[in-house]
Amino acid sequence: MGGVAPPTREPVPACIHPRTFKYFFPRDTVKTLWERLAARYGNLKMNGAFRMMEIEAERFFLRSVIGGNPITVIRKRACTDADIDELHALFGYEGAP
């Protein structure tokens, strides 16, 4: 298929939604990936004091340390499997867990 290999994911307990994941990507792909996410989901907010960057989308939050890994996806209650499938497509691979 020629895409990138799926990132690794580790479930992380969260009070917002029980299906929260951390996605780890090759270092040389992270900047381009965040640009793609910002183009689709909205402005990337930087918080230098906490060294965090975040995009708040309608269905989930995307967070990471500035310039880095992992990308944490915190699903909001309204988040559907179709929303995650779309996110996975932006990540560059097909299929949902």
N, C-alpha and C. Protein backbone atom coordinates (compact mmCIF):
# COMPACT_ATOMS: atom_id res chain seq x y z
N MET A 1 0.80 -1.18 0.00
CA MET A 1 0.00 0.00 0.00
C MET A 1 0.85 1.26 0.00
N GLY A 2 2.08 1.20 0.46
CA GLY A 2 2.99 2.31 0.36
C GLY A 2 2.89 3.36 1.46
N GLY A 3 1.92 3.27 2.37
CA GLY A 3 1.79 4.25 3.45
C GLY A 3 2.83 3.99 4.53
N VAL A 4 2.72 4.72 5.60
CA VAL A 4 3.62 4.50 6.72
C VAL A 4 3.07 3.40 7.61
N ALA A 5 3.95 2.79 8.35
CA ALA A 5 3.51 1.74 9.28
C ALA A 5 2.65 2.37 10.36
N PRO A 6 1.68 1.64 10.88
CA PRO A 6 0.86 2.18 11.95
C PRO A 6 1.71 2.56 13.14
N PRO A 7 1.38 3.66 13.81
CA PRO A 7 2.12 3.99 15.03
C PRO A 7 1.75 3.02 16.12
N THR A 8 2.57 2.98 17.13
CA THR A 8 2.21 2.16 18.29
C THR A 8 1.24 2.95 19.14
N ARG A 9 0.37 2.25 19.85
CA ARG A 9 -0.60 2.93 20.69
C ARG A 9 -0.64 2.27 22.05
N GLU A 10 -0.76 3.09 23.06
CA GLU A 10 -0.89 2.58 24.41
C GLU A 10 -2.13 3.21 25.03
N PRO A 11 -3.10 2.39 25.48
CA PRO A 11 -4.26 2.97 26.15
C PRO A 11 -3.85 3.64 27.46
N VAL A 12 -4.44 4.77 27.74
CA VAL A 12 -4.14 5.51 28.96
C VAL A 12 -5.46 5.87 29.62
N PRO A 13 -5.64 5.53 30.89
CA PRO A 13 -6.89 5.88 31.56
C PRO A 13 -7.10 7.39 31.57
N ALA A 14 -8.31 7.84 31.34
CA ALA A 14 -8.63 9.26 31.36
C ALA A 14 -10.03 9.45 31.91
N CYS A 15 -10.23 10.55 32.60
CA CYS A 15 -11.56 10.79 33.15
C CYS A 15 -12.51 11.33 32.09
N ILE A 16 -12.00 11.93 31.01
CA ILE A 16 -12.86 12.50 29.98
C ILE A 16 -13.52 11.39 29.18
N HIS A 17 -12.77 10.40 28.81
CA HIS A 17 -13.29 9.30 27.99
C HIS A 17 -12.36 8.11 28.21
N PRO A 18 -12.90 6.93 28.37
CA PRO A 18 -12.03 5.78 28.65
C PRO A 18 -11.15 5.36 27.48
N ARG A 19 -11.40 5.86 26.28
CA ARG A 19 -10.60 5.45 25.13
C ARG A 19 -9.68 6.59 24.72
N THR A 20 -8.60 6.74 25.47
CA THR A 20 -7.57 7.73 25.21
C THR A 20 -6.32 6.98 24.80
N PHE A 21 -5.64 7.48 23.76
CA PHE A 21 -4.47 6.79 23.25
C PHE A 21 -3.30 7.73 23.07
N LYS A 22 -2.11 7.17 23.14
CA LYS A 22 -0.88 7.88 22.79
C LYS A 22 -0.33 7.22 21.53
N TYR A 23 -0.03 8.05 20.53
CA TYR A 23 0.49 7.58 19.25
C TYR A 23 1.94 8.04 19.11
N PHE A 24 2.82 7.10 18.82
CA PHE A 24 4.24 7.39 18.67
C PHE A 24 4.60 7.30 17.19
N PHE A 25 5.29 8.34 16.68
CA PHE A 25 5.66 8.41 15.27
C PHE A 25 7.16 8.60 15.12
N PRO A 26 7.70 8.23 13.95
CA PRO A 26 9.11 8.51 13.69
C PRO A 26 9.36 10.02 13.80
N ARG A 27 10.45 10.39 14.42
CA ARG A 27 10.77 11.79 14.69
C ARG A 27 10.70 12.67 13.44
N ASP A 28 11.16 12.16 12.30
CA ASP A 28 11.21 12.98 11.09
C ASP A 28 9.85 13.20 10.44
N THR A 29 8.79 12.59 10.96
CA THR A 29 7.45 12.77 10.40
C THR A 29 6.54 13.65 11.26
N VAL A 30 6.96 13.95 12.48
CA VAL A 30 6.08 14.61 13.44
C VAL A 30 5.68 16.02 12.99
N LYS A 31 6.61 16.83 12.52
CA LYS A 31 6.30 18.21 12.12
C LYS A 31 5.27 18.23 11.00
N THR A 32 5.49 17.42 9.98
CA THR A 32 4.55 17.36 8.86
C THR A 32 3.19 16.86 9.32
N LEU A 33 3.19 15.90 10.20
CA LEU A 33 1.94 15.36 10.71
C LEU A 33 1.13 16.42 11.46
N TRP A 34 1.78 17.20 12.31
CA TRP A 34 1.07 18.26 13.04
C TRP A 34 0.53 19.31 12.07
N GLU A 35 1.27 19.61 11.01
CA GLU A 35 0.77 20.56 10.00
C GLU A 35 -0.50 20.03 9.35
N ARG A 36 -0.50 18.75 9.03
CA ARG A 36 -1.68 18.11 8.44
C ARG A 36 -2.87 18.13 9.40
N LEU A 37 -2.62 17.84 10.67
CA LEU A 37 -3.68 17.87 11.68
C LEU A 37 -4.25 19.28 11.85
N ALA A 38 -3.37 20.29 11.88
CA ALA A 38 -3.83 21.67 12.03
C ALA A 38 -4.65 22.11 10.82
N ALA A 39 -4.26 21.67 9.62
CA ALA A 39 -5.02 22.03 8.41
C ALA A 39 -6.43 21.45 8.46
N ARG A 40 -6.58 20.28 9.06
CA ARG A 40 -7.89 19.63 9.11
C ARG A 40 -8.73 20.07 10.32
N TYR A 41 -8.09 20.17 11.50
CA TYR A 41 -8.85 20.33 12.74
C TYR A 41 -8.79 21.72 13.36
N GLY A 42 -7.96 22.60 12.88
CA GLY A 42 -7.93 23.95 13.43
C GLY A 42 -6.57 24.34 13.98
N ASN A 43 -6.54 25.54 14.52
CA ASN A 43 -5.29 26.14 14.96
C ASN A 43 -4.58 25.33 16.04
N LEU A 44 -3.29 25.29 15.87
CA LEU A 44 -2.42 24.66 16.85
C LEU A 44 -2.09 25.69 17.92
N LYS A 45 -2.40 25.39 19.16
CA LYS A 45 -2.11 26.29 20.28
C LYS A 45 -0.84 25.84 20.96
N MET A 46 0.03 26.80 21.23
CA MET A 46 1.29 26.51 21.89
C MET A 46 1.26 27.09 23.30
N ASN A 47 1.70 26.30 24.27
CA ASN A 47 1.82 26.77 25.64
C ASN A 47 3.27 26.54 26.06
N GLY A 48 4.08 27.58 25.84
CA GLY A 48 5.50 27.47 26.12
C GLY A 48 5.83 27.20 27.57
N ALA A 49 5.00 27.72 28.47
CA ALA A 49 5.26 27.53 29.90
C ALA A 49 5.23 26.05 30.28
N PHE A 50 4.33 25.29 29.65
CA PHE A 50 4.22 23.87 29.95
C PHE A 50 4.82 23.00 28.85
N ARG A 51 5.43 23.64 27.84
CA ARG A 51 6.03 22.94 26.69
C ARG A 51 5.03 22.00 26.03
N MET A 52 3.79 22.47 25.89
CA MET A 52 2.73 21.66 25.29
C MET A 52 2.17 22.36 24.05
N MET A 53 1.70 21.55 23.13
CA MET A 53 0.94 22.06 21.99
C MET A 53 -0.33 21.24 21.91
N GLU A 54 -1.39 21.89 21.41
CA GLU A 54 -2.69 21.23 21.43
C GLU A 54 -3.58 21.75 20.31
N ILE A 55 -4.39 20.86 19.80
CA ILE A 55 -5.48 21.21 18.90
C ILE A 55 -6.74 20.69 19.56
N GLU A 56 -7.73 21.57 19.73
CA GLU A 56 -9.02 21.11 20.23
C GLU A 56 -9.96 20.98 19.05
N ALA A 57 -10.24 19.76 18.65
CA ALA A 57 -11.17 19.49 17.56
C ALA A 57 -12.57 19.30 18.16
N GLU A 58 -13.55 19.21 17.29
CA GLU A 58 -14.92 19.05 17.76
C GLU A 58 -15.11 17.76 18.55
N ARG A 59 -14.40 16.69 18.15
CA ARG A 59 -14.63 15.37 18.75
C ARG A 59 -13.53 14.87 19.67
N PHE A 60 -12.36 15.56 19.67
CA PHE A 60 -11.26 15.12 20.53
C PHE A 60 -10.23 16.22 20.69
N PHE A 61 -9.32 16.03 21.63
CA PHE A 61 -8.16 16.89 21.83
C PHE A 61 -6.94 16.14 21.30
N LEU A 62 -6.03 16.86 20.68
CA LEU A 62 -4.75 16.32 20.25
C LEU A 62 -3.67 17.08 21.02
N ARG A 63 -2.82 16.38 21.75
CA ARG A 63 -1.81 17.04 22.57
C ARG A 63 -0.45 16.38 22.41
N SER A 64 0.58 17.19 22.60
CA SER A 64 1.94 16.68 22.59
C SER A 64 2.85 17.71 23.25
N VAL A 65 4.04 17.27 23.66
CA VAL A 65 5.05 18.24 24.04
C VAL A 65 5.45 18.96 22.77
N ILE A 66 5.93 20.18 22.88
CA ILE A 66 6.26 20.98 21.70
C ILE A 66 7.25 20.23 20.83
N GLY A 67 6.84 20.03 19.57
CA GLY A 67 7.70 19.40 18.58
C GLY A 67 7.90 17.91 18.75
N GLY A 68 7.05 17.25 19.52
CA GLY A 68 7.42 15.88 19.80
C GLY A 68 6.35 14.83 19.82
N ASN A 69 6.75 13.74 20.38
CA ASN A 69 5.97 12.54 20.57
C ASN A 69 5.72 12.36 22.05
N PRO A 70 4.77 11.55 22.43
CA PRO A 70 3.73 11.01 21.56
C PRO A 70 2.64 12.05 21.33
N ILE A 71 1.75 11.77 20.39
CA ILE A 71 0.55 12.57 20.23
C ILE A 71 -0.52 11.87 21.04
N THR A 72 -1.06 12.57 22.02
CA THR A 72 -2.12 12.02 22.85
C THR A 72 -3.45 12.43 22.25
N VAL A 73 -4.34 11.48 22.08
CA VAL A 73 -5.68 11.74 21.58
C VAL A 73 -6.65 11.47 22.72
N ILE A 74 -7.31 12.52 23.17
CA ILE A 74 -8.31 12.40 24.23
C ILE A 74 -9.67 12.54 23.57
N ARG A 75 -10.40 11.45 23.53
CA ARG A 75 -11.70 11.44 22.87
C ARG A 75 -12.75 12.11 23.74
N LYS A 76 -13.54 13.00 23.12
CA LYS A 76 -14.69 13.58 23.80
C LYS A 76 -15.83 12.57 23.72
N ARG A 77 -16.85 12.77 24.50
CA ARG A 77 -17.97 11.82 24.54
C ARG A 77 -18.63 11.62 23.18
N ALA A 78 -18.68 12.66 22.35
CA ALA A 78 -19.33 12.58 21.05
C ALA A 78 -18.46 11.93 19.98
N CYS A 79 -17.23 11.57 20.30
CA CYS A 79 -16.31 11.00 19.33
C CYS A 79 -16.77 9.61 18.89
N THR A 80 -16.84 9.41 17.58
CA THR A 80 -17.27 8.12 17.05
C THR A 80 -16.10 7.36 16.44
N ASP A 81 -16.33 6.11 16.12
CA ASP A 81 -15.30 5.33 15.44
C ASP A 81 -14.97 5.94 14.08
N ALA A 82 -15.97 6.53 13.41
CA ALA A 82 -15.73 7.18 12.12
C ALA A 82 -14.78 8.36 12.27
N ASP A 83 -14.90 9.11 13.38
CA ASP A 83 -13.98 10.22 13.64
C ASP A 83 -12.55 9.71 13.80
N ILE A 84 -12.41 8.60 14.50
CA ILE A 84 -11.08 8.02 14.70
C ILE A 84 -10.53 7.46 13.39
N ASP A 85 -11.39 6.85 12.57
CA ASP A 85 -10.96 6.36 11.26
C ASP A 85 -10.41 7.51 10.41
N GLU A 86 -11.09 8.67 10.45
CA GLU A 86 -10.61 9.83 9.70
C GLU A 86 -9.26 10.29 10.24
N LEU A 87 -9.12 10.32 11.55
CA LEU A 87 -7.84 10.69 12.16
C LEU A 87 -6.74 9.72 11.73
N HIS A 88 -7.05 8.44 11.75
CA HIS A 88 -6.07 7.44 11.34
C HIS A 88 -5.66 7.64 9.88
N ALA A 89 -6.58 8.02 9.04
CA ALA A 89 -6.26 8.29 7.63
C ALA A 89 -5.28 9.48 7.55
N LEU A 90 -5.48 10.49 8.38
CA LEU A 90 -4.54 11.62 8.40
C LEU A 90 -3.18 11.18 8.93
N PHE A 91 -3.18 10.22 9.84
CA PHE A 91 -1.93 9.68 10.35
C PHE A 91 -1.19 8.90 9.26
N GLY A 92 -1.91 8.46 8.23
CA GLY A 92 -1.27 7.80 7.11
C GLY A 92 -1.44 6.29 7.07
N TYR A 93 -2.41 5.76 7.78
CA TYR A 93 -2.66 4.33 7.70
C TYR A 93 -4.14 4.07 7.80
N GLU A 94 -4.53 2.89 7.40
CA GLU A 94 -5.95 2.52 7.39
C GLU A 94 -6.26 1.57 8.53
N GLY A 95 -7.51 1.54 8.91
CA GLY A 95 -7.97 0.59 9.91
C GLY A 95 -8.03 1.17 11.29
N ALA A 96 -8.96 0.69 12.05
CA ALA A 96 -9.11 1.12 13.44
C ALA A 96 -8.85 -0.08 14.35
N PRO A 97 -8.49 0.18 15.59
CA PRO A 97 -8.22 -0.94 16.50
C PRO A 97 -9.45 -1.77 16.76
